[in-house]
Amino acid sequence: MSSAGSRAERIARNLAIAEKFYDGYHGSVARGYLERVFEPVDFAAEWVFCSPYLAGEMRQAAENFLAEGAVANHATISQRIPDYKMDDFKAWPTERGCAWRWRVNGHGLDGQLHEFWEQLFLWTDDDGKVTRFEFYDDWHGFPQALVYAYDQELDDLTKIEHYGDHPWTPGPPMSIDPPSHPPRDDPPANARVARNLELATKFFDAHHRSVERGSVAGAFDPVDFATEWVLFSPWFGETTQTADAGYAATADAEHRRIWARLPDYRMDDFEAWPTDDGCAWRWRVHGTAVDGTSYEFWEQFFIDTDDAGKITRFEFYD
């Protein structure tokens, strides 16, 4: 498709890319192999592949070896986790990108379930081609799954280039070049999209400016949540909350404890994927210790909202 197309068409084609990836991984066990991932037809002539596990950005051409690499990696893992696949797919498609998350899981030859959650974000151009692709793996379950899949000790696994050494020494900050455009239409297409972007931006503003304010005022404002809403993280599972659950005070207390050791602890590098029914976003969490050591990790969020613009589901991953 050579022209931008309607909003609905652009959203549909971006969702289709995410769904193709999901079908490739989810259906790999039934097919006996991985296919339909990183197909050149879906990518711009030049694009950026980015992950903290790869130490930042790598520039790619549409024709590359990522598809072959993904197939080989999947085959290696499947030798010890035969039903290794992705489930629980959910996407937040926008006019100029798509965000999604899924549960990576499988049963090892030891009979145990190995699983972790993965979060993926992409930008597309006017022709619907991917110009930037980011992925993150939640640390809850991720190292344990790799330890088993590759039959290595954790100390050995962390010696893979870019993962750090034992004892662990933080690596350099992940390199991020500002993309040429946001992964969404700007200004937002309608009031619902604008409202959902506003919610994400409000969370970012509260955390980004927390150091200068001395608090995270504005985050977890009861007015932004439905009377009952669901909170989910792999670290503690799924719980039902009320609008006045008191998370604002909890976030403040948590930050004050962290500031005692990382005085400039805050969030930067925010980007959001707002839809009619929710929003996905990611940011970099970082701070500097008194000895000058820089610490950082990346955090990803996905929210669903109701017709009144209230949050009904809130997910976060680290």
C-alpha atoms as a PDB file:
ATOM      1  CA  MET A   1       0.000   0.000   0.000  1.00  0.00           C
ATOM      2  CA  SER A   2       1.754   3.156  -1.192  1.00  0.00           C
ATOM      3  CA  SER A   3      -0.377   5.779   0.535  1.00  0.00           C
ATOM      4  CA  ALA A   4      -1.006   6.339   4.208  1.00  0.00           C
ATOM      5  CA  GLY A   5      -4.577   5.052   3.996  1.00  0.00           C
ATOM      6  CA  SER A   6      -7.366   5.644   6.471  1.00  0.00           C
ATOM      7  CA  ARG A   7      -6.800   5.481  10.210  1.00  0.00           C
ATOM      8  CA  ALA A   8      -8.601   2.129  10.386  1.00  0.00           C
ATOM      9  CA  GLU A   9      -6.460   0.709   7.567  1.00  0.00           C
ATOM     10  CA  ARG A  10      -3.213   1.851   9.159  1.00  0.00           C
ATOM     11  CA  ILE A  11      -4.183   0.421  12.539  1.00  0.00           C
ATOM     12  CA  ALA A  12      -5.220  -2.868  10.920  1.00  0.00           C
ATOM     13  CA  ARG A  13      -1.980  -3.329   9.006  1.00  0.00           C
ATOM     14  CA  ASN A  14       0.129  -2.601  12.099  1.00  0.00           C
ATOM     15  CA  LEU A  15      -1.902  -5.077  14.123  1.00  0.00           C
ATOM     16  CA  ALA A  16      -1.436  -7.607  11.326  1.00  0.00           C
ATOM     17  CA  ILE A  17       2.350  -7.429  11.743  1.00  0.00           C
ATOM     18  CA  ALA A  18       2.041  -8.170  15.461  1.00  0.00           C
ATOM     19  CA  GLU A  19      -0.426 -10.980  14.791  1.00  0.00           C
ATOM     20  CA  LYS A  20       1.934 -12.487  12.220  1.00  0.00           C
ATOM     21  CA  PHE A  21       4.687 -12.624  14.837  1.00  0.00           C
ATOM     22  CA  TYR A  22       2.281 -14.194  17.300  1.00  0.00           C
ATOM     23  CA  ASP A  23       1.105 -16.798  14.808  1.00  0.00           C
ATOM     24  CA  GLY A  24       4.726 -17.608  14.020  1.00  0.00           C
ATOM     25  CA  TYR A  25       5.619 -18.308  17.641  1.00  0.00           C
ATOM     26  CA  HIS A  26       2.293 -19.573  18.974  1.00  0.00           C
ATOM     27  CA  GLY A  27       1.837 -22.059  16.138  1.00  0.00           C
ATOM     28  CA  SER A  28       5.449 -23.217  16.073  1.00  0.00           C
ATOM     29  CA  VAL A  29       4.814 -26.356  18.143  1.00  0.00           C
ATOM     30  CA  ALA A  30       1.952 -27.545  15.946  1.00  0.00           C
ATOM     31  CA  ARG A  31       3.990 -26.849  12.791  1.00  0.00           C
ATOM     32  CA  GLY A  32       7.202 -28.251  14.232  1.00  0.00           C
ATOM     33  CA  TYR A  33       9.188 -25.133  13.393  1.00  0.00           C
ATOM     34  CA  LEU A  34       9.172 -21.357  13.652  1.00  0.00           C
ATOM     35  CA  GLU A  35       8.202 -19.276  10.619  1.00  0.00           C
ATOM     36  CA  ARG A  36       6.768 -15.893   9.512  1.00  0.00           C
ATOM     37  CA  VAL A  37       8.885 -13.753  11.837  1.00  0.00           C
ATOM     38  CA  PHE A  38      11.162 -10.910  10.701  1.00  0.00           C
ATOM     39  CA  GLU A  39       9.993 -11.261   7.108  1.00  0.00           C
ATOM     40  CA  PRO A  40      11.682  -8.590   4.926  1.00  0.00           C
ATOM     41  CA  VAL A  41       8.331  -7.619   3.365  1.00  0.00           C
ATOM     42  CA  ASP A  42       7.264  -6.152   6.732  1.00  0.00           C
ATOM     43  CA  PHE A  43      10.331  -3.933   7.191  1.00  0.00           C
ATOM     44  CA  ALA A  44      11.622  -0.673   5.734  1.00  0.00           C
ATOM     45  CA  ALA A  45      14.819  -0.634   3.681  1.00  0.00           C
ATOM     46  CA  GLU A  46      16.597   0.578   6.831  1.00  0.00           C
ATOM     47  CA  TRP A  47      15.271   0.075  10.340  1.00  0.00           C
ATOM     48  CA  VAL A  48      16.436  -0.116  13.964  1.00  0.00           C
ATOM     49  CA  PHE A  49      16.387  -3.209  16.175  1.00  0.00           C
ATOM     50  CA  CYS A  50      16.701  -2.324  19.859  1.00  0.00           C
ATOM     51  CA  SER A  51      16.866  -4.170  23.187  1.00  0.00           C
ATOM     52  CA  PRO A  52      18.744  -3.718  26.475  1.00  0.00           C
ATOM     53  CA  TYR A  53      19.918  -7.338  26.075  1.00  0.00           C
ATOM     54  CA  LEU A  54      21.674  -6.273  22.865  1.00  0.00           C
ATOM     55  CA  ALA A  55      23.193  -3.166  24.507  1.00  0.00           C
ATOM     56  CA  GLY A  56      20.950  -0.804  22.586  1.00  0.00           C
ATOM     57  CA  GLU A  57      20.336  -0.172  18.932  1.00  0.00           C
ATOM     58  CA  MET A  58      21.417  -2.103  15.861  1.00  0.00           C
ATOM     59  CA  ARG A  59      20.709  -0.737  12.397  1.00  0.00           C
ATOM     60  CA  GLN A  60      19.315  -3.295   9.984  1.00  0.00           C
ATOM     61  CA  ALA A  61      18.429  -3.668   6.311  1.00  0.00           C
ATOM     62  CA  ALA A  62      15.149  -5.220   5.238  1.00  0.00           C
ATOM     63  CA  GLU A  63      17.134  -8.233   4.043  1.00  0.00           C
ATOM     64  CA  ASN A  64      18.923  -9.536   7.140  1.00  0.00           C
ATOM     65  CA  PHE A  65      19.626 -12.697   9.110  1.00  0.00           C
ATOM     66  CA  LEU A  66      17.218 -12.099  11.981  1.00  0.00           C
ATOM     67  CA  ALA A  67      14.658 -14.579  10.658  1.00  0.00           C
ATOM     68  CA  GLU A  68      17.291 -17.314  10.379  1.00  0.00           C
ATOM     69  CA  GLY A  69      18.669 -16.405  13.795  1.00  0.00           C
ATOM     70  CA  ALA A  70      15.223 -16.534  15.379  1.00  0.00           C
ATOM     71  CA  VAL A  71      14.553 -19.954  13.830  1.00  0.00           C
ATOM     72  CA  ALA A  72      17.893 -21.305  15.050  1.00  0.00           C
ATOM     73  CA  ASN A  73      17.434 -19.917  18.557  1.00  0.00           C
ATOM     74  CA  HIS A  74      13.901 -21.309  18.727  1.00  0.00           C
ATOM     75  CA  ALA A  75      15.104 -24.739  17.590  1.00  0.00           C
ATOM     76  CA  THR A  76      17.853 -24.754  20.221  1.00  0.00           C
ATOM     77  CA  ILE A  77      15.452 -23.892  23.041  1.00  0.00           C
ATOM     78  CA  SER A  78      12.870 -26.397  21.778  1.00  0.00           C
ATOM     79  CA  GLN A  79      15.342 -29.255  22.238  1.00  0.00           C
ATOM     80  CA  ARG A  80      14.986 -28.859  26.011  1.00  0.00           C
ATOM     81  CA  ILE A  81      11.531 -27.188  26.077  1.00  0.00           C
ATOM     82  CA  PRO A  82       9.640 -29.084  23.332  1.00  0.00           C
ATOM     83  CA  ASP A  83       6.386 -27.082  23.609  1.00  0.00           C
ATOM     84  CA  TYR A  84       8.167 -23.696  23.805  1.00  0.00           C
ATOM     85  CA  LYS A  85       5.790 -21.056  22.389  1.00  0.00           C
ATOM     86  CA  MET A  86       4.018 -17.769  23.052  1.00  0.00           C
ATOM     87  CA  ASP A  87       0.499 -17.490  24.533  1.00  0.00           C
ATOM     88  CA  ASP A  88      -1.762 -14.778  26.034  1.00  0.00           C
ATOM     89  CA  PHE A  89      -1.163 -12.325  23.203  1.00  0.00           C
ATOM     90  CA  LYS A  90      -2.683  -8.871  23.480  1.00  0.00           C
ATOM     91  CA  ALA A  91      -1.901  -5.841  21.317  1.00  0.00           C
ATOM     92  CA  TRP A  92      -2.278  -2.060  21.373  1.00  0.00           C
ATOM     93  CA  PRO A  93      -2.169  -1.039  17.681  1.00  0.00           C
ATOM     94  CA  THR A  94      -1.895   2.611  16.654  1.00  0.00           C
ATOM     95  CA  GLU A  95      -1.769   4.472  13.352  1.00  0.00           C
ATOM     96  CA  ARG A  96       2.039   4.456  13.255  1.00  0.00           C
ATOM     97  CA  GLY A  97       3.001   1.445  15.317  1.00  0.00           C
ATOM     98  CA  CYS A  98       1.931  -1.360  17.598  1.00  0.00           C
ATOM     99  CA  ALA A  99       2.744  -2.591  21.104  1.00  0.00           C
ATOM    100  CA  TRP A 100       2.040  -6.061  22.378  1.00  0.00           C
ATOM    101  CA  ARG A 101       2.885  -8.529  25.107  1.00  0.00           C
ATOM    102  CA  TRP A 102       2.739 -12.271  25.355  1.00  0.00           C
ATOM    103  CA  ARG A 103       3.678 -15.077  27.734  1.00  0.00           C
ATOM    104  CA  VAL A 104       6.676 -17.135  26.655  1.00  0.00           C
ATOM    105  CA  ASN A 105       6.267 -20.623  28.084  1.00  0.00           C
ATOM    106  CA  GLY A 106       6.879 -24.320  27.757  1.00  0.00           C
ATOM    107  CA  HIS A 107       7.477 -27.494  29.714  1.00  0.00           C
ATOM    108  CA  GLY A 108      11.023 -28.712  29.992  1.00  0.00           C
ATOM    109  CA  LEU A 109      12.231 -32.276  29.695  1.00  0.00           C
ATOM    110  CA  ASP A 110      12.219 -32.100  33.497  1.00  0.00           C
ATOM    111  CA  GLY A 111       8.417 -31.684  33.395  1.00  0.00           C
ATOM    112  CA  GLN A 112       8.550 -28.197  34.911  1.00  0.00           C
ATOM    113  CA  LEU A 113       6.847 -25.143  33.437  1.00  0.00           C
ATOM    114  CA  HIS A 114       9.327 -22.467  32.378  1.00  0.00           C
ATOM    115  CA  GLU A 115       7.842 -19.089  31.527  1.00  0.00           C
ATOM    116  CA  PHE A 116       8.343 -15.327  31.366  1.00  0.00           C
ATOM    117  CA  TRP A 117       6.594 -12.347  29.794  1.00  0.00           C
ATOM    118  CA  GLU A 118       7.907 -10.464  26.773  1.00  0.00           C
ATOM    119  CA  GLN A 119       6.940  -6.964  25.597  1.00  0.00           C
ATOM    120  CA  LEU A 120       7.383  -5.708  22.043  1.00  0.00           C
ATOM    121  CA  PHE A 121       7.012  -2.274  20.460  1.00  0.00           C
ATOM    122  CA  LEU A 122       7.245  -1.166  16.856  1.00  0.00           C
ATOM    123  CA  TRP A 123       7.069   1.991  14.749  1.00  0.00           C
ATOM    124  CA  THR A 124       5.885   2.001  11.121  1.00  0.00           C
ATOM    125  CA  ASP A 125       6.139   4.460   8.236  1.00  0.00           C
ATOM    126  CA  ASP A 126       3.456   5.694   5.825  1.00  0.00           C
ATOM    127  CA  ASP A 127       3.759   2.471   3.818  1.00  0.00           C
ATOM    128  CA  GLY A 128       3.182   0.314   6.886  1.00  0.00           C
ATOM    129  CA  LYS A 129       6.802  -0.858   7.045  1.00  0.00           C
ATOM    130  CA  VAL A 130       8.565  -1.306  10.383  1.00  0.00           C
ATOM    131  CA  THR A 131      11.165   1.389  11.005  1.00  0.00           C
ATOM    132  CA  ARG A 132      11.935   0.532  14.639  1.00  0.00           C
ATOM    133  CA  PHE A 133      11.455  -2.650  16.670  1.00  0.00           C
ATOM    134  CA  GLU A 134      12.085  -2.885  20.425  1.00  0.00           C
ATOM    135  CA  PHE A 135      11.719  -5.900  22.689  1.00  0.00           C
ATOM    136  CA  TYR A 136      12.037  -6.474  26.420  1.00  0.00           C
ATOM    137  CA  ASP A 137      11.875  -9.595  28.599  1.00  0.00           C
ATOM    138  CA  ASP A 138      10.570  -9.348  32.145  1.00  0.00           C
ATOM    139  CA  TRP A 139      13.273 -10.534  34.523  1.00  0.00           C
ATOM    140  CA  HIS A 140      10.798 -12.644  36.501  1.00  0.00           C
ATOM    141  CA  GLY A 141      11.330 -16.080  34.980  1.00  0.00           C
ATOM    142  CA  PHE A 142      13.485 -14.923  32.057  1.00  0.00           C
ATOM    143  CA  PRO A 143      16.928 -15.920  33.417  1.00  0.00           C
ATOM    144  CA  GLN A 144      15.609 -19.170  34.873  1.00  0.00           C
ATOM    145  CA  ALA A 145      14.080 -20.159  31.519  1.00  0.00           C
ATOM    146  CA  LEU A 146      17.321 -19.424  29.668  1.00  0.00           C
ATOM    147  CA  VAL A 147      19.417 -21.256  32.266  1.00  0.00           C
ATOM    148  CA  TYR A 148      17.362 -24.379  31.621  1.00  0.00           C
ATOM    149  CA  ALA A 149      16.983 -23.937  27.852  1.00  0.00           C
ATOM    150  CA  TYR A 150      20.725 -23.485  27.279  1.00  0.00           C
ATOM    151  CA  ASP A 151      21.732 -25.929  30.043  1.00  0.00           C
ATOM    152  CA  GLN A 152      23.999 -23.374  31.697  1.00  0.00           C
ATOM    153  CA  GLU A 153      24.552 -22.071  35.185  1.00  0.00           C
ATOM    154  CA  LEU A 154      23.312 -18.559  35.895  1.00  0.00           C
ATOM    155  CA  ASP A 155      26.879 -17.330  36.364  1.00  0.00           C
ATOM    156  CA  ASP A 156      27.799 -18.714  32.940  1.00  0.00           C
ATOM    157  CA  LEU A 157      24.692 -17.302  31.307  1.00  0.00           C
ATOM    158  CA  THR A 158      25.376 -13.811  32.637  1.00  0.00           C
ATOM    159  CA  LYS A 159      28.804 -13.951  31.020  1.00  0.00           C
ATOM    160  CA  ILE A 160      27.213 -13.837  27.576  1.00  0.00           C
ATOM    161  CA  GLU A 161      28.339 -10.579  25.968  1.00  0.00           C
ATOM    162  CA  HIS A 162      26.202  -7.605  27.051  1.00  0.00           C
ATOM    163  CA  TYR A 163      24.711  -9.486  30.004  1.00  0.00           C
ATOM    164  CA  GLY A 164      27.493  -8.598  32.464  1.00  0.00           C
ATOM    165  CA  ASP A 165      29.957 -10.623  34.507  1.00  0.00           C
ATOM    166  CA  HIS A 166      29.988 -12.230  37.956  1.00  0.00           C
ATOM    167  CA  PRO A 167      30.143 -10.404  40.278  1.00  0.00           C
ATOM    168  CA  TRP A 168      27.713  -8.326  38.279  1.00  0.00           C
ATOM    169  CA  THR A 169      28.891  -4.947  37.053  1.00  0.00           C
ATOM    170  CA  PRO A 170      26.303  -2.699  35.380  1.00  0.00           C
ATOM    171  CA  GLY A 171      26.929  -2.185  31.690  1.00  0.00           C
ATOM    172  CA  PRO A 172      26.760   1.102  29.784  1.00  0.00           C
ATOM    173  CA  PRO A 173      23.340   2.752  29.378  1.00  0.00           C
ATOM    174  CA  MET A 174      21.302   1.502  26.432  1.00  0.00           C
ATOM    175  CA  SER A 175      21.734   3.780  23.460  1.00  0.00           C
ATOM    176  CA  ILE A 176      18.533   5.427  22.217  1.00  0.00           C
ATOM    177  CA  ASP A 177      18.369   7.728  19.208  1.00  0.00           C
ATOM    178  CA  PRO A 178      15.084   9.640  19.092  1.00  0.00           C
ATOM    179  CA  PRO A 179      12.866   8.095  16.394  1.00  0.00           C
ATOM    180  CA  SER A 180      11.865  10.383  13.536  1.00  0.00           C
ATOM    181  CA  HIS A 181       8.217  10.326  14.620  1.00  0.00           C
ATOM    182  CA  PRO A 182       6.092   9.040  17.510  1.00  0.00           C
ATOM    183  CA  PRO A 183       4.418   5.628  17.084  1.00  0.00           C
ATOM    184  CA  ARG A 184       0.995   7.294  16.833  1.00  0.00           C
ATOM    185  CA  ASP A 185      -0.814  10.146  15.118  1.00  0.00           C
ATOM    186  CA  ASP A 186      -0.136  13.540  16.672  1.00  0.00           C
ATOM    187  CA  PRO A 187      -2.491  15.135  17.552  1.00  0.00           C
ATOM    188  CA  PRO A 188      -4.587  12.144  18.695  1.00  0.00           C
ATOM    189  CA  ALA A 189      -7.397  11.011  16.423  1.00  0.00           C
ATOM    190  CA  ASN A 190     -10.194  11.420  18.975  1.00  0.00           C
ATOM    191  CA  ALA A 191     -10.986  12.243  22.602  1.00  0.00           C
ATOM    192  CA  ARG A 192     -10.629   8.652  23.822  1.00  0.00           C
ATOM    193  CA  VAL A 193      -7.160   8.275  22.359  1.00  0.00           C
ATOM    194  CA  ALA A 194      -6.219  11.678  23.759  1.00  0.00           C
ATOM    195  CA  ARG A 195      -7.480  10.698  27.197  1.00  0.00           C
ATOM    196  CA  ASN A 196      -5.510   7.439  27.221  1.00  0.00           C
ATOM    197  CA  LEU A 197      -2.347   9.229  26.113  1.00  0.00           C
ATOM    198  CA  GLU A 198      -2.977  11.777  28.853  1.00  0.00           C
ATOM    199  CA  LEU A 199      -3.095   8.991  31.461  1.00  0.00           C
ATOM    200  CA  ALA A 200       0.260   7.598  30.332  1.00  0.00           C
ATOM    201  CA  THR A 201       1.803  11.062  30.170  1.00  0.00           C
ATOM    202  CA  LYS A 202       0.534  11.835  33.657  1.00  0.00           C
ATOM    203  CA  PHE A 203       2.285   8.757  35.018  1.00  0.00           C
ATOM    204  CA  PHE A 204       5.480   9.728  33.238  1.00  0.00           C
ATOM    205  CA  ASP A 205       5.386  13.322  34.428  1.00  0.00           C
ATOM    206  CA  ALA A 206       4.920  12.147  38.019  1.00  0.00           C
ATOM    207  CA  HIS A 207       7.940   9.824  37.844  1.00  0.00           C
ATOM    208  CA  HIS A 208      10.198  11.905  35.583  1.00  0.00           C
ATOM    209  CA  ARG A 209       9.926  15.026  37.740  1.00  0.00           C
ATOM    210  CA  SER A 210       9.803  13.183  41.050  1.00  0.00           C
ATOM    211  CA  VAL A 211      13.337  14.152  42.069  1.00  0.00           C
ATOM    212  CA  GLU A 212      12.763  17.898  41.754  1.00  0.00           C
ATOM    213  CA  ARG A 213       9.367  17.632  43.427  1.00  0.00           C
ATOM    214  CA  GLY A 214      10.490  15.246  46.154  1.00  0.00           C
ATOM    215  CA  SER A 215       7.494  12.997  45.531  1.00  0.00           C
ATOM    216  CA  VAL A 216       5.672  11.099  42.779  1.00  0.00           C
ATOM    217  CA  ALA A 217       2.550  13.233  43.073  1.00  0.00           C
ATOM    218  CA  GLY A 218       0.111  12.518  40.244  1.00  0.00           C
ATOM    219  CA  ALA A 219       0.772   8.785  39.907  1.00  0.00           C
ATOM    220  CA  PHE A 220      -2.040   6.414  40.876  1.00  0.00           C
ATOM    221  CA  ASP A 221      -4.518   9.247  41.260  1.00  0.00           C
ATOM    222  CA  PRO A 222      -7.827   7.614  42.341  1.00  0.00           C
ATOM    223  CA  VAL A 223      -9.713   9.822  39.873  1.00  0.00           C
ATOM    224  CA  ASP A 224      -8.027   7.940  37.001  1.00  0.00           C
ATOM    225  CA  PHE A 225      -9.192   4.475  38.075  1.00  0.00           C
ATOM    226  CA  ALA A 226     -12.477   2.615  37.866  1.00  0.00           C
ATOM    227  CA  THR A 227     -14.244   1.708  41.096  1.00  0.00           C
ATOM    228  CA  GLU A 228     -12.698  -1.738  40.704  1.00  0.00           C
ATOM    229  CA  TRP A 229      -9.658  -2.451  38.559  1.00  0.00           C
ATOM    230  CA  VAL A 230      -7.144  -5.241  38.048  1.00  0.00           C
ATOM    231  CA  LEU A 231      -3.428  -4.925  38.783  1.00  0.00           C
ATOM    232  CA  PHE A 232      -1.087  -7.464  37.170  1.00  0.00           C
ATOM    233  CA  SER A 233       2.644  -8.122  37.278  1.00  0.00           C
ATOM    234  CA  PRO A 234       4.566 -11.395  36.876  1.00  0.00           C
ATOM    235  CA  TRP A 235       6.160 -10.573  40.219  1.00  0.00           C
ATOM    236  CA  PHE A 236       2.935 -11.039  42.193  1.00  0.00           C
ATOM    237  CA  GLY A 237       0.215 -12.097  39.758  1.00  0.00           C
ATOM    238  CA  GLU A 238      -3.253 -10.595  39.326  1.00  0.00           C
ATOM    239  CA  THR A 239      -5.159  -8.786  42.066  1.00  0.00           C
ATOM    240  CA  THR A 240      -8.403  -6.796  42.098  1.00  0.00           C
ATOM    241  CA  GLN A 241      -8.062  -3.273  43.472  1.00  0.00           C
ATOM    242  CA  THR A 242     -10.317  -0.356  44.350  1.00  0.00           C
ATOM    243  CA  ALA A 243      -9.888   3.220  43.125  1.00  0.00           C
ATOM    244  CA  ASP A 244      -8.766   4.325  46.585  1.00  0.00           C
ATOM    245  CA  ALA A 245      -6.298   1.461  47.106  1.00  0.00           C
ATOM    246  CA  GLY A 246      -3.603   3.882  48.264  1.00  0.00           C
ATOM    247  CA  TYR A 247      -0.960   3.162  45.632  1.00  0.00           C
ATOM    248  CA  ALA A 248       0.056   6.819  45.491  1.00  0.00           C
ATOM    249  CA  ALA A 249       1.342   6.647  49.064  1.00  0.00           C
ATOM    250  CA  THR A 250       3.022   3.304  48.372  1.00  0.00           C
ATOM    251  CA  ALA A 251       4.824   4.733  45.309  1.00  0.00           C
ATOM    252  CA  ASP A 252       5.982   7.740  47.360  1.00  0.00           C
ATOM    253  CA  ALA A 253       7.340   5.546  50.143  1.00  0.00           C
ATOM    254  CA  GLU A 254       9.121   3.300  47.652  1.00  0.00           C
ATOM    255  CA  HIS A 255      10.809   6.248  45.962  1.00  0.00           C
ATOM    256  CA  ARG A 256      11.983   7.722  49.263  1.00  0.00           C
ATOM    257  CA  ARG A 257      13.685   4.440  50.160  1.00  0.00           C
ATOM    258  CA  ILE A 258      15.385   4.274  46.753  1.00  0.00           C
ATOM    259  CA  TRP A 259      16.490   7.931  46.867  1.00  0.00           C
ATOM    260  CA  ALA A 260      18.470   7.098  50.021  1.00  0.00           C
ATOM    261  CA  ARG A 261      20.881   5.129  47.780  1.00  0.00           C
ATOM    262  CA  LEU A 262      20.147   6.524  44.283  1.00  0.00           C
ATOM    263  CA  PRO A 263      19.443  10.236  44.887  1.00  0.00           C
ATOM    264  CA  ASP A 264      18.576  11.020  41.240  1.00  0.00           C
ATOM    265  CA  TYR A 265      16.382   7.934  40.674  1.00  0.00           C
ATOM    266  CA  ARG A 266      13.727   8.779  38.042  1.00  0.00           C
ATOM    267  CA  MET A 267      12.223   7.761  34.684  1.00  0.00           C
ATOM    268  CA  ASP A 268      13.246   9.021  31.208  1.00  0.00           C
ATOM    269  CA  ASP A 269      12.934   7.989  27.533  1.00  0.00           C
ATOM    270  CA  PHE A 270       9.152   7.771  27.598  1.00  0.00           C
ATOM    271  CA  GLU A 271       7.125   6.687  24.565  1.00  0.00           C
ATOM    272  CA  ALA A 272       3.449   5.701  24.348  1.00  0.00           C
ATOM    273  CA  TRP A 273       1.070   3.751  22.088  1.00  0.00           C
ATOM    274  CA  PRO A 274      -2.459   5.055  22.862  1.00  0.00           C
ATOM    275  CA  THR A 275      -5.551   3.361  21.416  1.00  0.00           C
ATOM    276  CA  ASP A 276      -9.295   3.894  21.751  1.00  0.00           C
ATOM    277  CA  ASP A 277      -9.395   1.363  24.593  1.00  0.00           C
ATOM    278  CA  GLY A 278      -6.127   1.862  26.468  1.00  0.00           C
ATOM    279  CA  CYS A 279      -2.453   2.656  26.178  1.00  0.00           C
ATOM    280  CA  ALA A 280       0.952   0.969  26.241  1.00  0.00           C
ATOM    281  CA  TRP A 281       4.139   2.751  27.172  1.00  0.00           C
ATOM    282  CA  ARG A 282       7.754   2.161  28.118  1.00  0.00           C
ATOM    283  CA  TRP A 283      10.401   4.198  29.914  1.00  0.00           C
ATOM    284  CA  ARG A 284      13.940   3.896  31.272  1.00  0.00           C
ATOM    285  CA  VAL A 285      14.303   3.736  35.059  1.00  0.00           C
ATOM    286  CA  HIS A 286      17.709   4.895  36.261  1.00  0.00           C
ATOM    287  CA  GLY A 287      19.725   6.476  39.030  1.00  0.00           C
ATOM    288  CA  THR A 288      23.294   7.096  40.171  1.00  0.00           C
ATOM    289  CA  ALA A 289      24.771   5.742  43.403  1.00  0.00           C
ATOM    290  CA  VAL A 290      26.997   7.811  45.674  1.00  0.00           C
ATOM    291  CA  ASP A 291      30.051   5.954  44.305  1.00  0.00           C
ATOM    292  CA  GLY A 292      29.166   7.128  40.779  1.00  0.00           C
ATOM    293  CA  THR A 293      27.851   3.775  39.517  1.00  0.00           C
ATOM    294  CA  SER A 294      24.907   4.150  37.142  1.00  0.00           C
ATOM    295  CA  TYR A 295      22.020   1.690  37.473  1.00  0.00           C
ATOM    296  CA  GLU A 296      19.146   1.289  35.051  1.00  0.00           C
ATOM    297  CA  PHE A 297      16.397  -0.985  33.803  1.00  0.00           C
ATOM    298  CA  TRP A 298      13.478  -0.630  31.400  1.00  0.00           C
ATOM    299  CA  GLU A 299       9.854  -0.818  32.453  1.00  0.00           C
ATOM    300  CA  GLN A 300       6.767  -1.450  30.308  1.00  0.00           C
ATOM    301  CA  PHE A 301       3.096  -0.692  31.017  1.00  0.00           C
ATOM    302  CA  PHE A 302      -0.225  -1.664  29.444  1.00  0.00           C
ATOM    303  CA  ILE A 303      -3.579  -0.257  30.524  1.00  0.00           C
ATOM    304  CA  ASP A 304      -7.200  -0.878  29.503  1.00  0.00           C
ATOM    305  CA  THR A 305      -9.785   1.859  30.000  1.00  0.00           C
ATOM    306  CA  ASP A 306     -13.580   1.968  30.024  1.00  0.00           C
ATOM    307  CA  ASP A 307     -15.972   4.296  28.199  1.00  0.00           C
ATOM    308  CA  ALA A 308     -15.479   6.934  30.907  1.00  0.00           C
ATOM    309  CA  GLY A 309     -11.713   6.914  30.436  1.00  0.00           C
ATOM    310  CA  LYS A 310     -11.049   5.127  33.724  1.00  0.00           C
ATOM    311  CA  ILE A 311      -8.337   2.484  34.070  1.00  0.00           C
ATOM    312  CA  THR A 312      -9.820  -1.008  34.442  1.00  0.00           C
ATOM    313  CA  ARG A 313      -6.590  -3.015  34.052  1.00  0.00           C
ATOM    314  CA  PHE A 314      -3.006  -1.996  34.787  1.00  0.00           C
ATOM    315  CA  GLU A 315      -0.064  -4.238  33.875  1.00  0.00           C
ATOM    316  CA  PHE A 316       3.638  -3.573  34.405  1.00  0.00           C
ATOM    317  CA  TYR A 317       6.816  -5.457  33.579  1.00  0.00           C
ATOM    318  CA  ASP A 318      10.481  -4.897  34.438  1.00  0.00           C
END
